[in-house]
Amino acid sequence: MNPDIVSTLAGYIWALDYGSVLVFALTGALVASRQQLDITGFIFMAALTAVGGGTVRDLVLGRDPVFWVERPGLVVTAAAAAFFVYWTAPFLESRYRWLLWLDAIALGVAVPAGVGVALATGYGPVIVVIAGVITGCMGGLIRDVVGNEVPLILKGSELYLTAAFGGALAGVLLVWLGLPRPMALIGCGAATFILRAGAMIRGWSLPAYRPRPPRERG
């Protein structure tokens, strides 16, 4: 690959990593505020949410070191977000609504971050899509489980996992169609956010499984 393209892609991944860490950290701190934790709890929840998805992704892809170990500034960013929410959360009228929208933005940033990392590492389309989904979903899943919230990923009406999958798939298709990778990552993030926002605003959803009653034996 052209060194200039590699450098540009690395710059986009760097920005996406910091963006997803920042916004996911805000959501983790908001969950901490809903559980009325102390400042240490805020930092823990923010950092856990911020780096959870990327950590699982890097472990699955065999990257060494894990992205936040290589760049400790990401953890500092998460801690700063925790402090910000700690002092401002009492002034928010609906913390859960803020949580949902920040989480949608974070998903739209984290999924292309995962896609970009897998592309840069040289993996094929299937692994690229999986890496995007893991990066987008695992941090929020860990946050909700630890924070004693119903995981958004398990709510079919939220179109959460589907948005991550659709966005990652869109990114792979755009690369396959010949779009420059940085532009494909932008398209990936836009598709992810549009799907998630559509579920929140317009009620978009996929048909849910409905079990059939057992047949009576004649």
Protein backbone atom coordinates (compact mmCIF):
# COMPACT_ATOMS: atom_id res chain seq x y z
CA MET A 1 0.00 0.00 0.00
CA ASN A 2 1.17 3.55 -0.73
CA PRO A 3 3.01 4.98 2.36
CA ASP A 4 1.00 8.22 2.11
CA ILE A 5 -2.26 6.26 2.21
CA VAL A 6 -1.02 4.24 5.19
CA SER A 7 -0.09 7.45 7.00
CA THR A 8 -3.47 9.05 6.28
CA LEU A 9 -5.33 5.92 7.41
CA ALA A 10 -3.28 5.79 10.61
CA GLY A 11 -4.19 9.41 11.29
CA TYR A 12 -7.90 8.66 10.85
CA ILE A 13 -7.65 5.64 13.18
CA TRP A 14 -5.84 7.77 15.78
CA ALA A 15 -8.59 10.39 15.65
CA LEU A 16 -11.35 7.77 15.74
CA ASP A 17 -9.76 6.08 18.76
CA TYR A 18 -9.64 9.33 20.73
CA GLY A 19 -13.13 10.30 19.62
CA SER A 20 -14.70 6.98 20.58
CA VAL A 21 -12.85 6.90 23.92
CA LEU A 22 -14.03 10.40 24.78
CA VAL A 23 -17.70 9.89 23.93
CA PHE A 24 -17.94 6.37 25.36
CA ALA A 25 -16.29 7.66 28.54
CA LEU A 26 -19.03 10.28 28.83
CA THR A 27 -21.67 7.54 28.61
CA GLY A 28 -19.90 5.45 31.24
CA ALA A 29 -19.76 8.42 33.58
CA LEU A 30 -23.46 9.08 33.00
CA VAL A 31 -24.25 5.53 34.08
CA ALA A 32 -22.08 6.14 37.17
CA SER A 33 -24.17 9.24 37.91
CA ARG A 34 -27.38 7.21 37.61
CA GLN A 35 -25.94 4.76 40.14
CA GLN A 36 -24.76 7.64 42.38
CA LEU A 37 -21.12 6.52 42.55
CA ASP A 38 -18.21 8.54 43.91
CA ILE A 39 -15.55 10.17 41.72
CA THR A 40 -13.43 7.00 41.68
CA GLY A 41 -16.45 5.05 40.48
CA PHE A 42 -16.99 7.65 37.77
CA ILE A 43 -13.42 7.25 36.52
CA PHE A 44 -13.65 3.45 36.64
CA MET A 45 -16.92 3.34 34.70
CA ALA A 46 -15.73 5.92 32.18
CA ALA A 47 -12.43 4.13 31.49
CA LEU A 48 -14.02 0.68 31.40
CA THR A 49 -16.58 1.82 28.84
CA ALA A 50 -14.09 3.85 26.83
CA VAL A 51 -11.47 1.16 26.25
CA GLY A 52 -13.54 -2.03 26.68
CA GLY A 53 -14.49 -2.55 23.05
CA GLY A 54 -11.07 -1.67 21.66
CA THR A 55 -9.36 -3.93 24.20
CA VAL A 56 -11.46 -6.95 23.22
CA ARG A 57 -10.84 -6.14 19.55
CA ASP A 58 -7.08 -5.95 19.99
CA LEU A 59 -6.98 -9.20 21.96
CA VAL A 60 -9.02 -10.96 19.26
CA LEU A 61 -6.79 -9.56 16.49
CA GLY A 62 -3.60 -10.38 18.41
CA ARG A 63 -2.37 -6.78 18.57
CA ASP A 64 0.43 -6.19 21.07
CA PRO A 65 0.40 -3.92 22.93
CA VAL A 66 -3.31 -3.13 23.33
CA PHE A 67 -4.12 0.32 21.93
CA TRP A 68 -4.49 2.18 25.25
CA VAL A 69 -1.31 0.65 26.68
CA GLU A 70 0.54 2.07 23.69
CA ARG A 71 -1.22 5.44 24.15
CA PRO A 72 -1.94 6.07 27.87
CA GLY A 73 -3.33 9.48 26.92
CA LEU A 74 -6.54 7.65 26.00
CA VAL A 75 -7.06 6.66 29.64
CA VAL A 76 -6.33 10.23 30.72
CA THR A 77 -8.96 11.40 28.24
CA ALA A 78 -11.49 9.01 29.78
CA ALA A 79 -10.65 10.26 33.29
CA ALA A 80 -11.10 13.88 32.18
CA ALA A 81 -14.51 13.00 30.74
CA ALA A 82 -15.44 11.39 34.07
CA PHE A 83 -14.53 14.56 35.99
CA PHE A 84 -16.57 16.65 33.54
CA VAL A 85 -19.69 14.53 33.95
CA TYR A 86 -19.23 14.34 37.73
CA TRP A 87 -19.62 18.12 37.98
CA THR A 88 -22.20 18.65 35.22
CA ALA A 89 -24.54 15.63 35.49
CA PRO A 90 -26.77 17.27 38.18
CA PHE A 91 -27.66 19.99 35.67
CA LEU A 92 -28.89 17.59 32.98
CA GLU A 93 -32.67 17.32 32.73
CA SER A 94 -32.70 13.76 31.33
CA ARG A 95 -29.47 11.88 31.85
CA TYR A 96 -30.78 8.74 30.17
CA ARG A 97 -31.70 10.66 27.02
CA TRP A 98 -28.22 12.16 26.95
CA LEU A 99 -26.81 8.69 27.49
CA LEU A 100 -28.69 7.31 24.47
CA TRP A 101 -27.58 10.07 22.10
CA LEU A 102 -23.97 10.11 23.26
CA ASP A 103 -23.93 6.34 22.92
CA ALA A 104 -25.24 6.64 19.35
CA ILE A 105 -22.45 9.08 18.51
CA ALA A 106 -19.88 6.84 20.19
CA LEU A 107 -21.13 3.85 18.20
CA GLY A 108 -20.79 5.85 14.99
CA VAL A 109 -17.15 6.59 15.85
CA ALA A 110 -16.09 3.27 17.39
CA VAL A 111 -17.33 1.01 14.60
CA PRO A 112 -15.18 2.70 11.90
CA ALA A 113 -12.27 2.71 14.37
CA GLY A 114 -12.52 -1.08 14.59
CA VAL A 115 -12.97 -1.42 10.84
CA GLY A 116 -9.95 0.80 10.22
CA VAL A 117 -7.71 -1.17 12.59
CA ALA A 118 -8.66 -4.50 10.99
CA LEU A 119 -8.13 -3.09 7.50
CA ALA A 120 -4.74 -1.68 8.45
CA THR A 121 -3.75 -5.03 9.94
CA GLY A 122 -4.56 -6.75 6.66
CA TYR A 123 -7.54 -8.90 7.61
CA GLY A 124 -10.26 -9.97 5.21
CA PRO A 125 -13.85 -8.67 5.01
CA VAL A 126 -15.41 -11.07 7.55
CA ILE A 127 -12.87 -10.24 10.27
CA VAL A 128 -13.08 -6.53 9.43
CA VAL A 129 -16.85 -6.54 10.01
CA ILE A 130 -16.48 -8.52 13.25
CA ALA A 131 -13.78 -6.13 14.49
CA GLY A 132 -16.06 -3.17 13.82
CA VAL A 133 -18.97 -4.76 15.69
CA ILE A 134 -16.79 -5.73 18.67
CA THR A 135 -15.26 -2.26 18.94
CA GLY A 136 -18.65 -0.59 18.78
CA CYS A 137 -20.64 -2.87 21.04
CA MET A 138 -18.44 -4.42 23.72
CA GLY A 139 -17.69 -1.22 25.66
CA GLY A 140 -21.37 -0.35 25.98
CA LEU A 141 -22.25 -3.93 26.89
CA ILE A 142 -19.65 -4.00 29.68
CA ARG A 143 -20.85 -0.58 30.90
CA ASP A 144 -24.48 -1.66 31.10
CA VAL A 145 -23.74 -4.97 32.81
CA VAL A 146 -21.41 -3.46 35.42
CA GLY A 147 -23.74 -0.46 35.89
CA ASN A 148 -26.75 -2.72 36.47
CA GLU A 149 -28.56 -1.35 33.41
CA VAL A 150 -30.48 -3.39 30.85
CA PRO A 151 -27.90 -3.74 28.02
CA LEU A 152 -28.91 -1.71 24.98
CA ILE A 153 -27.51 -4.44 22.77
CA LEU A 154 -30.20 -6.82 24.06
CA LYS A 155 -33.07 -4.48 23.26
CA GLY A 156 -34.28 -5.42 19.79
CA SER A 157 -36.19 -2.17 19.45
CA GLU A 158 -32.97 -0.17 19.85
CA LEU A 159 -31.41 -1.50 16.59
CA TYR A 160 -28.01 -1.38 18.31
CA LEU A 161 -26.15 -4.49 17.19
CA THR A 162 -27.78 -4.20 13.77
CA ALA A 163 -26.55 -0.61 13.40
CA ALA A 164 -23.00 -1.68 14.24
CA PHE A 165 -23.15 -4.59 11.81
CA GLY A 166 -24.73 -2.50 9.06
CA GLY A 167 -22.17 0.27 9.43
CA ALA A 168 -19.22 -2.13 9.42
CA LEU A 169 -20.61 -3.92 6.37
CA ALA A 170 -21.09 -0.56 4.62
CA GLY A 171 -17.44 0.29 5.28
CA VAL A 172 -16.25 -3.00 3.77
CA LEU A 173 -18.49 -2.54 0.71
CA LEU A 174 -17.23 1.00 0.16
CA VAL A 175 -13.63 -0.24 0.22
CA TRP A 176 -14.56 -3.04 -2.17
CA LEU A 177 -16.13 -0.44 -4.50
CA GLY A 178 -12.78 1.37 -4.62
CA LEU A 179 -13.45 4.32 -2.33
CA PRO A 180 -10.33 5.55 -0.49
CA ARG A 181 -10.19 3.96 2.95
CA PRO A 182 -10.48 7.23 4.92
CA MET A 183 -13.66 8.07 2.98
CA ALA A 184 -14.95 4.52 3.47
CA LEU A 185 -14.50 4.93 7.23
CA ILE A 186 -16.52 8.14 7.14
CA GLY A 187 -19.26 6.31 5.25
CA CYS A 188 -19.08 3.49 7.77
CA GLY A 189 -19.57 5.89 10.69
CA ALA A 190 -22.39 7.75 8.94
CA ALA A 191 -24.27 4.53 8.16
CA THR A 192 -23.88 3.33 11.76
CA PHE A 193 -25.15 6.58 13.25
CA ILE A 194 -28.05 6.92 10.80
CA LEU A 195 -29.29 3.41 11.58
CA ARG A 196 -29.02 3.98 15.33
CA ALA A 197 -30.60 7.44 15.18
CA GLY A 198 -33.39 6.12 12.96
CA ALA A 199 -34.25 3.54 15.60
CA MET A 200 -34.37 6.23 18.27
CA ILE A 201 -36.34 8.83 16.29
CA ARG A 202 -38.40 6.82 13.83
CA GLY A 203 -38.68 3.53 15.68
CA TRP A 204 -36.81 1.50 13.04
CA SER A 205 -36.45 -2.13 14.06
CA LEU A 206 -36.17 -5.62 12.66
CA PRO A 207 -38.93 -8.21 13.22
CA ALA A 208 -38.41 -9.87 16.59
CA TYR A 209 -38.64 -13.60 17.13
CA ARG A 210 -42.10 -14.73 18.18
CA PRO A 211 -42.30 -18.33 19.42
CA ARG A 212 -45.16 -20.39 18.08
CA PRO A 213 -47.39 -22.27 20.50
CA PRO A 214 -46.68 -26.02 20.57
CA ARG A 215 -48.79 -28.15 18.29
CA GLU A 216 -51.37 -30.36 19.89
CA ARG A 217 -50.94 -34.01 19.13
CA GLY A 218 -53.98 -35.56 17.52
